[in-house]
Amino acid sequence: MAARKRGDVVVAYRNCFNSKDGKEVLLDLMRTHHILDSTYKPNDHIETIRREGERNVVLRILAFLHIKPADLDSILKEESENE
């Protein structure tokens, strides 16, 4: 992907996930796609691989938004307090 095009994509991700609905979707993705829990499934390496794939997609989004893994606990805690 060309640098300019990649920059446009990053801006689009930020615009999308910085909206109210986008934040809600991102929180749902983090909760359901193994961002804060293990992807390991004993005796089922196919399921472990699938979970890692899900997790990597969400990590890519977080990278575009400049959200560090160390910040995730506080983000989720803050959101649960606002519910």
PDB file of N, CA and C in Angstrom:
ATOM      1  N   MET A   1       0.850  -1.169   0.000  1.00  0.00           N
ATOM      2  CA  MET A   1       0.000   0.000   0.000  1.00  0.00           C
ATOM      3  C   MET A   1       0.900   1.238   0.000  1.00  0.00           C
ATOM      4  N   ALA A   2       0.636   2.154  -0.873  1.00  0.00           N
ATOM      5  CA  ALA A   2       1.437   3.373  -0.949  1.00  0.00           C
ATOM      6  C   ALA A   2       1.299   4.172   0.347  1.00  0.00           C
ATOM      7  N   ALA A   3       2.328   4.930   0.687  1.00  0.00           N
ATOM      8  CA  ALA A   3       2.332   5.680   1.948  1.00  0.00           C
ATOM      9  C   ALA A   3       1.128   6.612   2.053  1.00  0.00           C
ATOM     10  N   ARG A   4       0.818   7.320   0.989  1.00  0.00           N
ATOM     11  CA  ARG A   4      -0.321   8.246   1.034  1.00  0.00           C
ATOM     12  C   ARG A   4      -1.627   7.482   1.249  1.00  0.00           C
ATOM     13  N   LYS A   5      -1.801   6.402   0.525  1.00  0.00           N
ATOM     14  CA  LYS A   5      -3.018   5.609   0.654  1.00  0.00           C
ATOM     15  C   LYS A   5      -3.129   5.021   2.063  1.00  0.00           C
ATOM     16  N   ARG A   6      -2.028   4.515   2.596  1.00  0.00           N
ATOM     17  CA  ARG A   6      -2.042   3.970   3.957  1.00  0.00           C
ATOM     18  C   ARG A   6      -2.422   5.050   4.961  1.00  0.00           C
ATOM     19  N   GLY A   7      -1.898   6.226   4.785  1.00  0.00           N
ATOM     20  CA  GLY A   7      -2.253   7.337   5.671  1.00  0.00           C
ATOM     21  C   GLY A   7      -3.737   7.638   5.620  1.00  0.00           C
ATOM     22  N   ASP A   8      -4.312   7.585   4.429  1.00  0.00           N
ATOM     23  CA  ASP A   8      -5.754   7.810   4.278  1.00  0.00           C
ATOM     24  C   ASP A   8      -6.551   6.736   5.020  1.00  0.00           C
ATOM     25  N   VAL A   9      -6.068   5.506   4.949  1.00  0.00           N
ATOM     26  CA  VAL A   9      -6.755   4.398   5.626  1.00  0.00           C
ATOM     27  C   VAL A   9      -6.680   4.591   7.142  1.00  0.00           C
ATOM     28  N   VAL A  10      -5.524   4.994   7.639  1.00  0.00           N
ATOM     29  CA  VAL A  10      -5.374   5.218   9.078  1.00  0.00           C
ATOM     30  C   VAL A  10      -6.328   6.318   9.536  1.00  0.00           C
ATOM     31  N   VAL A  11      -6.416   7.389   8.786  1.00  0.00           N
ATOM     32  CA  VAL A  11      -7.343   8.481   9.122  1.00  0.00           C
ATOM     33  C   VAL A  11      -8.782   7.969   9.119  1.00  0.00           C
ATOM     34  N   ALA A  12      -9.125   7.143   8.151  1.00  0.00           N
ATOM     35  CA  ALA A  12     -10.479   6.592   8.095  1.00  0.00           C
ATOM     36  C   ALA A  12     -10.779   5.725   9.324  1.00  0.00           C
ATOM     37  N   TYR A  13      -9.821   4.893   9.722  1.00  0.00           N
ATOM     38  CA  TYR A  13      -9.994   4.087  10.938  1.00  0.00           C
ATOM     39  C   TYR A  13     -10.217   4.995  12.141  1.00  0.00           C
ATOM     40  N   ARG A  14      -9.398   6.025  12.272  1.00  0.00           N
ATOM     41  CA  ARG A  14      -9.524   6.938  13.418  1.00  0.00           C
ATOM     42  C   ARG A  14     -10.867   7.646  13.411  1.00  0.00           C
ATOM     43  N   ASN A  15     -11.301   8.114  12.258  1.00  0.00           N
ATOM     44  CA  ASN A  15     -12.604   8.777  12.180  1.00  0.00           C
ATOM     45  C   ASN A  15     -13.720   7.825  12.577  1.00  0.00           C
ATOM     46  N   CYS A  16     -13.630   6.607  12.095  1.00  0.00           N
ATOM     47  CA  CYS A  16     -14.661   5.612  12.386  1.00  0.00           C
ATOM     48  C   CYS A  16     -14.695   5.250  13.871  1.00  0.00           C
ATOM     49  N   PHE A  17     -13.546   4.870  14.417  1.00  0.00           N
ATOM     50  CA  PHE A  17     -13.531   4.340  15.776  1.00  0.00           C
ATOM     51  C   PHE A  17     -13.470   5.411  16.855  1.00  0.00           C
ATOM     52  N   ASN A  18     -13.323   6.672  16.496  1.00  0.00           N
ATOM     53  CA  ASN A  18     -13.395   7.747  17.479  1.00  0.00           C
ATOM     54  C   ASN A  18     -14.808   8.302  17.611  1.00  0.00           C
ATOM     55  N   SER A  19     -15.737   7.818  16.782  1.00  0.00           N
ATOM     56  CA  SER A  19     -17.138   8.209  16.927  1.00  0.00           C
ATOM     57  C   SER A  19     -17.746   7.439  18.106  1.00  0.00           C
ATOM     58  N   LYS A  20     -18.890   7.895  18.583  1.00  0.00           N
ATOM     59  CA  LYS A  20     -19.553   7.209  19.699  1.00  0.00           C
ATOM     60  C   LYS A  20     -19.853   5.748  19.346  1.00  0.00           C
ATOM     61  N   ASP A  21     -20.452   5.520  18.188  1.00  0.00           N
ATOM     62  CA  ASP A  21     -20.765   4.145  17.769  1.00  0.00           C
ATOM     63  C   ASP A  21     -19.496   3.341  17.545  1.00  0.00           C
ATOM     64  N   GLY A  22     -18.490   3.973  16.970  1.00  0.00           N
ATOM     65  CA  GLY A  22     -17.220   3.288  16.726  1.00  0.00           C
ATOM     66  C   GLY A  22     -16.568   2.824  18.010  1.00  0.00           C
ATOM     67  N   LYS A  23     -16.630   3.668  19.042  1.00  0.00           N
ATOM     68  CA  LYS A  23     -16.061   3.276  20.338  1.00  0.00           C
ATOM     69  C   LYS A  23     -16.810   2.087  20.919  1.00  0.00           C
ATOM     70  N   GLU A  24     -18.118   2.087  20.766  1.00  0.00           N
ATOM     71  CA  GLU A  24     -18.913   0.964  21.263  1.00  0.00           C
ATOM     72  C   GLU A  24     -18.565  -0.325  20.517  1.00  0.00           C
ATOM     73  N   VAL A  25     -18.408  -0.236  19.206  1.00  0.00           N
ATOM     74  CA  VAL A  25     -18.028  -1.401  18.407  1.00  0.00           C
ATOM     75  C   VAL A  25     -16.632  -1.878  18.796  1.00  0.00           C
ATOM     76  N   LEU A  26     -15.698  -0.950  18.970  1.00  0.00           N
ATOM     77  CA  LEU A  26     -14.335  -1.322  19.347  1.00  0.00           C
ATOM     78  C   LEU A  26     -14.317  -2.025  20.703  1.00  0.00           C
ATOM     79  N   LEU A  27     -15.064  -1.521  21.663  1.00  0.00           N
ATOM     80  CA  LEU A  27     -15.129  -2.181  22.969  1.00  0.00           C
ATOM     81  C   LEU A  27     -15.685  -3.593  22.838  1.00  0.00           C
ATOM     82  N   ASP A  28     -16.717  -3.754  22.009  1.00  0.00           N
ATOM     83  CA  ASP A  28     -17.275  -5.087  21.786  1.00  0.00           C
ATOM     84  C   ASP A  28     -16.241  -6.008  21.153  1.00  0.00           C
ATOM     85  N   LEU A  29     -15.504  -5.508  20.165  1.00  0.00           N
ATOM     86  CA  LEU A  29     -14.458  -6.312  19.528  1.00  0.00           C
ATOM     87  C   LEU A  29     -13.384  -6.716  20.536  1.00  0.00           C
ATOM     88  N   MET A  30     -13.002  -5.796  21.407  1.00  0.00           N
ATOM     89  CA  MET A  30     -11.975  -6.113  22.405  1.00  0.00           C
ATOM     90  C   MET A  30     -12.468  -7.175  23.374  1.00  0.00           C
ATOM     91  N   ARG A  31     -13.734  -7.091  23.762  1.00  0.00           N
ATOM     92  CA  ARG A  31     -14.283  -8.059  24.719  1.00  0.00           C
ATOM     93  C   ARG A  31     -14.468  -9.439  24.108  1.00  0.00           C
ATOM     94  N   THR A  32     -14.842  -9.493  22.838  1.00  0.00           N
ATOM     95  CA  THR A  32     -15.203 -10.782  22.236  1.00  0.00           C
ATOM     96  C   THR A  32     -14.087 -11.448  21.441  1.00  0.00           C
ATOM     97  N   HIS A  33     -12.985 -10.739  21.209  1.00  0.00           N
ATOM     98  CA  HIS A  33     -11.934 -11.305  20.372  1.00  0.00           C
ATOM     99  C   HIS A  33     -10.591 -11.404  21.082  1.00  0.00           C
ATOM    100  N   HIS A  34     -10.649 -11.748  22.351  1.00  0.00           N
ATOM    101  CA  HIS A  34      -9.482 -12.224  23.100  1.00  0.00           C
ATOM    102  C   HIS A  34      -8.368 -11.192  23.283  1.00  0.00           C
ATOM    103  N   ILE A  35      -8.756  -9.943  23.453  1.00  0.00           N
ATOM    104  CA  ILE A  35      -7.736  -8.919  23.680  1.00  0.00           C
ATOM    105  C   ILE A  35      -7.218  -8.989  25.111  1.00  0.00           C
ATOM    106  N   LEU A  36      -8.080  -9.302  26.040  1.00  0.00           N
ATOM    107  CA  LEU A  36      -7.664  -9.323  27.446  1.00  0.00           C
ATOM    108  C   LEU A  36      -7.617 -10.725  28.040  1.00  0.00           C
ATOM    109  N   ASP A  37      -7.864 -11.727  27.223  1.00  0.00           N
ATOM    110  CA  ASP A  37      -7.791 -13.089  27.745  1.00  0.00           C
ATOM    111  C   ASP A  37      -6.964 -13.960  26.803  1.00  0.00           C
ATOM    112  N   SER A  38      -6.719 -15.150  27.218  1.00  0.00           N
ATOM    113  CA  SER A  38      -5.863 -16.061  26.466  1.00  0.00           C
ATOM    114  C   SER A  38      -6.549 -16.560  25.197  1.00  0.00           C
ATOM    115  N   THR A  39      -5.763 -16.744  24.177  1.00  0.00           N
ATOM    116  CA  THR A  39      -6.277 -17.348  22.945  1.00  0.00           C
ATOM    117  C   THR A  39      -6.076 -18.858  22.942  1.00  0.00           C
ATOM    118  N   TYR A  40      -5.352 -19.352  23.916  1.00  0.00           N
ATOM    119  CA  TYR A  40      -5.027 -20.778  23.973  1.00  0.00           C
ATOM    120  C   TYR A  40      -6.247 -21.610  24.317  1.00  0.00           C
ATOM    121  N   LYS A  41      -6.522 -22.629  23.510  1.00  0.00           N
ATOM    122  CA  LYS A  41      -7.598 -23.590  23.753  1.00  0.00           C
ATOM    123  C   LYS A  41      -6.942 -24.962  23.864  1.00  0.00           C
ATOM    124  N   PRO A  42      -6.898 -25.527  25.071  1.00  0.00           N
ATOM    125  CA  PRO A  42      -6.236 -26.824  25.252  1.00  0.00           C
ATOM    126  C   PRO A  42      -6.787 -27.885  24.297  1.00  0.00           C
ATOM    127  N   ASN A  43      -5.888 -28.641  23.740  1.00  0.00           N
ATOM    128  CA  ASN A  43      -6.233 -29.760  22.852  1.00  0.00           C
ATOM    129  C   ASN A  43      -6.963 -29.352  21.573  1.00  0.00           C
ATOM    130  N   ASP A  44      -6.888 -28.070  21.201  1.00  0.00           N
ATOM    131  CA  ASP A  44      -7.558 -27.628  19.976  1.00  0.00           C
ATOM    132  C   ASP A  44      -6.733 -26.522  19.324  1.00  0.00           C
ATOM    133  N   HIS A  45      -5.690 -26.944  18.591  1.00  0.00           N
ATOM    134  CA  HIS A  45      -4.796 -25.943  18.018  1.00  0.00           C
ATOM    135  C   HIS A  45      -5.466 -25.136  16.908  1.00  0.00           C
ATOM    136  N   ILE A  46      -6.450 -25.703  16.235  1.00  0.00           N
ATOM    137  CA  ILE A  46      -7.174 -24.958  15.194  1.00  0.00           C
ATOM    138  C   ILE A  46      -7.949 -23.801  15.824  1.00  0.00           C
ATOM    139  N   GLU A  47      -8.606 -24.062  16.943  1.00  0.00           N
ATOM    140  CA  GLU A  47      -9.347 -23.000  17.642  1.00  0.00           C
ATOM    141  C   GLU A  47      -8.385 -21.934  18.173  1.00  0.00           C
ATOM    142  N   THR A  48      -7.235 -22.348  18.671  1.00  0.00           N
ATOM    143  CA  THR A  48      -6.227 -21.395  19.154  1.00  0.00           C
ATOM    144  C   THR A  48      -5.779 -20.487  18.011  1.00  0.00           C
ATOM    145  N   ILE A  49      -5.534 -21.060  16.850  1.00  0.00           N
ATOM    146  CA  ILE A  49      -5.114 -20.284  15.677  1.00  0.00           C
ATOM    147  C   ILE A  49      -6.221 -19.309  15.268  1.00  0.00           C
ATOM    148  N   ARG A  50      -7.465 -19.770  15.266  1.00  0.00           N
ATOM    149  CA  ARG A  50      -8.596 -18.904  14.909  1.00  0.00           C
ATOM    150  C   ARG A  50      -8.689 -17.719  15.861  1.00  0.00           C
ATOM    151  N   ARG A  51      -8.577 -17.994  17.156  1.00  0.00           N
ATOM    152  CA  ARG A  51      -8.646 -16.925  18.154  1.00  0.00           C
ATOM    153  C   ARG A  51      -7.501 -15.922  17.984  1.00  0.00           C
ATOM    154  N   GLU A  52      -6.312 -16.414  17.658  1.00  0.00           N
ATOM    155  CA  GLU A  52      -5.169 -15.518  17.417  1.00  0.00           C
ATOM    156  C   GLU A  52      -5.439 -14.611  16.226  1.00  0.00           C
ATOM    157  N   GLY A  53      -6.058 -15.157  15.195  1.00  0.00           N
ATOM    158  CA  GLY A  53      -6.412 -14.351  14.031  1.00  0.00           C
ATOM    159  C   GLY A  53      -7.386 -13.241  14.387  1.00  0.00           C
ATOM    160  N   GLU A  54      -8.418 -13.586  15.167  1.00  0.00           N
ATOM    161  CA  GLU A  54      -9.385 -12.576  15.618  1.00  0.00           C
ATOM    162  C   GLU A  54      -8.674 -11.483  16.406  1.00  0.00           C
ATOM    163  N   ARG A  55      -7.832 -11.907  17.316  1.00  0.00           N
ATOM    164  CA  ARG A  55      -7.103 -10.981  18.184  1.00  0.00           C
ATOM    165  C   ARG A  55      -6.209 -10.049  17.370  1.00  0.00           C
ATOM    166  N   ASN A  56      -5.537 -10.579  16.363  1.00  0.00           N
ATOM    167  CA  ASN A  56      -4.644  -9.761  15.545  1.00  0.00           C
ATOM    168  C   ASN A  56      -5.379  -8.677  14.777  1.00  0.00           C
ATOM    169  N   VAL A  57      -6.594  -8.949  14.336  1.00  0.00           N
ATOM    170  CA  VAL A  57      -7.376  -7.919  13.643  1.00  0.00           C
ATOM    171  C   VAL A  57      -7.650  -6.748  14.588  1.00  0.00           C
ATOM    172  N   VAL A  58      -8.054  -7.047  15.804  1.00  0.00           N
ATOM    173  CA  VAL A  58      -8.345  -5.986  16.768  1.00  0.00           C
ATOM    174  C   VAL A  58      -7.058  -5.248  17.156  1.00  0.00           C
ATOM    175  N   LEU A  59      -5.966  -5.964  17.297  1.00  0.00           N
ATOM    176  CA  LEU A  59      -4.690  -5.307  17.602  1.00  0.00           C
ATOM    177  C   LEU A  59      -4.280  -4.347  16.487  1.00  0.00           C
ATOM    178  N   ARG A  60      -4.575  -4.688  15.256  1.00  0.00           N
ATOM    179  CA  ARG A  60      -4.273  -3.790  14.134  1.00  0.00           C
ATOM    180  C   ARG A  60      -5.082  -2.499  14.256  1.00  0.00           C
ATOM    181  N   ILE A  61      -6.348  -2.621  14.580  1.00  0.00           N
ATOM    182  CA  ILE A  61      -7.189  -1.435  14.774  1.00  0.00           C
ATOM    183  C   ILE A  61      -6.629  -0.581  15.904  1.00  0.00           C
ATOM    184  N   LEU A  62      -6.285  -1.221  17.017  1.00  0.00           N
ATOM    185  CA  LEU A  62      -5.739  -0.482  18.164  1.00  0.00           C
ATOM    186  C   LEU A  62      -4.444   0.230  17.787  1.00  0.00           C
ATOM    187  N   ALA A  63      -3.622  -0.390  16.963  1.00  0.00           N
ATOM    188  CA  ALA A  63      -2.377   0.240  16.530  1.00  0.00           C
ATOM    189  C   ALA A  63      -2.665   1.492  15.704  1.00  0.00           C
ATOM    190  N   PHE A  64      -3.639   1.425  14.813  1.00  0.00           N
ATOM    191  CA  PHE A  64      -4.018   2.598  14.024  1.00  0.00           C
ATOM    192  C   PHE A  64      -4.504   3.735  14.925  1.00  0.00           C
ATOM    193  N   LEU A  65      -5.131   3.380  16.040  1.00  0.00           N
ATOM    194  CA  LEU A  65      -5.676   4.384  16.966  1.00  0.00           C
ATOM    195  C   LEU A  65      -4.665   4.821  18.016  1.00  0.00           C
ATOM    196  N   HIS A  66      -3.463   4.268  17.943  1.00  0.00           N
ATOM    197  CA  HIS A  66      -2.397   4.544  18.920  1.00  0.00           C
ATOM    198  C   HIS A  66      -2.820   4.197  20.347  1.00  0.00           C
ATOM    199  N   ILE A  67      -3.549   3.103  20.492  1.00  0.00           N
ATOM    200  CA  ILE A  67      -3.935   2.605  21.808  1.00  0.00           C
ATOM    201  C   ILE A  67      -2.978   1.479  22.154  1.00  0.00           C
ATOM    202  N   LYS A  68      -2.292   1.630  23.278  1.00  0.00           N
ATOM    203  CA  LYS A  68      -1.310   0.638  23.705  1.00  0.00           C
ATOM    204  C   LYS A  68      -1.989  -0.433  24.550  1.00  0.00           C
ATOM    205  N   PRO A  69      -1.503  -1.670  24.462  1.00  0.00           N
ATOM    206  CA  PRO A  69      -2.080  -2.742  25.279  1.00  0.00           C
ATOM    207  C   PRO A  69      -2.130  -2.397  26.772  1.00  0.00           C
ATOM    208  N   ALA A  70      -1.153  -1.656  27.255  1.00  0.00           N
ATOM    209  CA  ALA A  70      -1.136  -1.289  28.675  1.00  0.00           C
ATOM    210  C   ALA A  70      -2.318  -0.400  29.049  1.00  0.00           C
ATOM    211  N   ASP A  71      -2.917   0.271  28.070  1.00  0.00           N
ATOM    212  CA  ASP A  71      -4.039   1.175  28.337  1.00  0.00           C
ATOM    213  C   ASP A  71      -5.396   0.466  28.324  1.00  0.00           C
ATOM    214  N   LEU A  72      -5.432  -0.777  27.895  1.00  0.00           N
ATOM    215  CA  LEU A  72      -6.716  -1.450  27.684  1.00  0.00           C
ATOM    216  C   LEU A  72      -7.518  -1.661  28.954  1.00  0.00           C
ATOM    217  N   ASP A  73      -6.857  -2.061  30.025  1.00  0.00           N
ATOM    218  CA  ASP A  73      -7.585  -2.276  31.283  1.00  0.00           C
ATOM    219  C   ASP A  73      -8.303  -1.016  31.724  1.00  0.00           C
ATOM    220  N   SER A  74      -7.624   0.125  31.675  1.00  0.00           N
ATOM    221  CA  SER A  74      -8.241   1.366  32.122  1.00  0.00           C
ATOM    222  C   SER A  74      -9.367   1.799  31.190  1.00  0.00           C
ATOM    223  N   ILE A  75      -9.227   1.554  29.888  1.00  0.00           N
ATOM    224  CA  ILE A  75     -10.278   1.896  28.932  1.00  0.00           C
ATOM    225  C   ILE A  75     -11.536   1.072  29.214  1.00  0.00           C
ATOM    226  N   LEU A  76     -11.364  -0.224  29.398  1.00  0.00           N
ATOM    227  CA  LEU A  76     -12.524  -1.091  29.665  1.00  0.00           C
ATOM    228  C   LEU A  76     -13.139  -0.792  31.025  1.00  0.00           C
ATOM    229  N   LYS A  77     -12.321  -0.498  32.020  1.00  0.00           N
ATOM    230  CA  LYS A  77     -12.844  -0.168  33.343  1.00  0.00           C
ATOM    231  C   LYS A  77     -13.662   1.123  33.284  1.00  0.00           C
ATOM    232  N   GLU A  78     -13.145   2.123  32.590  1.00  0.00           N
ATOM    233  CA  GLU A  78     -13.843   3.390  32.453  1.00  0.00           C
ATOM    234  C   GLU A  78     -15.185   3.196  31.757  1.00  0.00           C
ATOM    235  N   GLU A  79     -15.211   2.388  30.710  1.00  0.00           N
ATOM    236  CA  GLU A  79     -16.450   2.138  29.982  1.00  0.00           C
ATOM    237  C   GLU A  79     -17.469   1.394  30.830  1.00  0.00           C
ATOM    238  N   SER A  80     -17.019   0.411  31.620  1.00  0.00           N
ATOM    239  CA  SER A  80     -17.959  -0.334  32.447  1.00  0.00           C
ATOM    240  C   SER A  80     -18.549   0.549  33.538  1.00  0.00           C
ATOM    241  N   GLU A  81     -17.801   1.536  34.001  1.00  0.00           N
ATOM    242  CA  GLU A  81     -18.310   2.482  34.997  1.00  0.00           C
ATOM    243  C   GLU A  81     -19.354   3.420  34.378  1.00  0.00           C
ATOM    244  N   ASN A  82     -19.264   3.676  33.073  1.00  0.00           N
ATOM    245  CA  ASN A  82     -20.183   4.573  32.397  1.00  0.00           C
ATOM    246  C   ASN A  82     -21.462   3.876  31.952  1.00  0.00           C
ATOM    247  N   GLU A  83     -21.516   2.566  32.047  1.00  0.00           N
ATOM    248  CA  GLU A  83     -22.704   1.825  31.580  1.00  0.00           C
ATOM    249  C   GLU A  83     -23.812   1.875  32.589  1.00  0.00           C
TER     250      GLU A  83
END
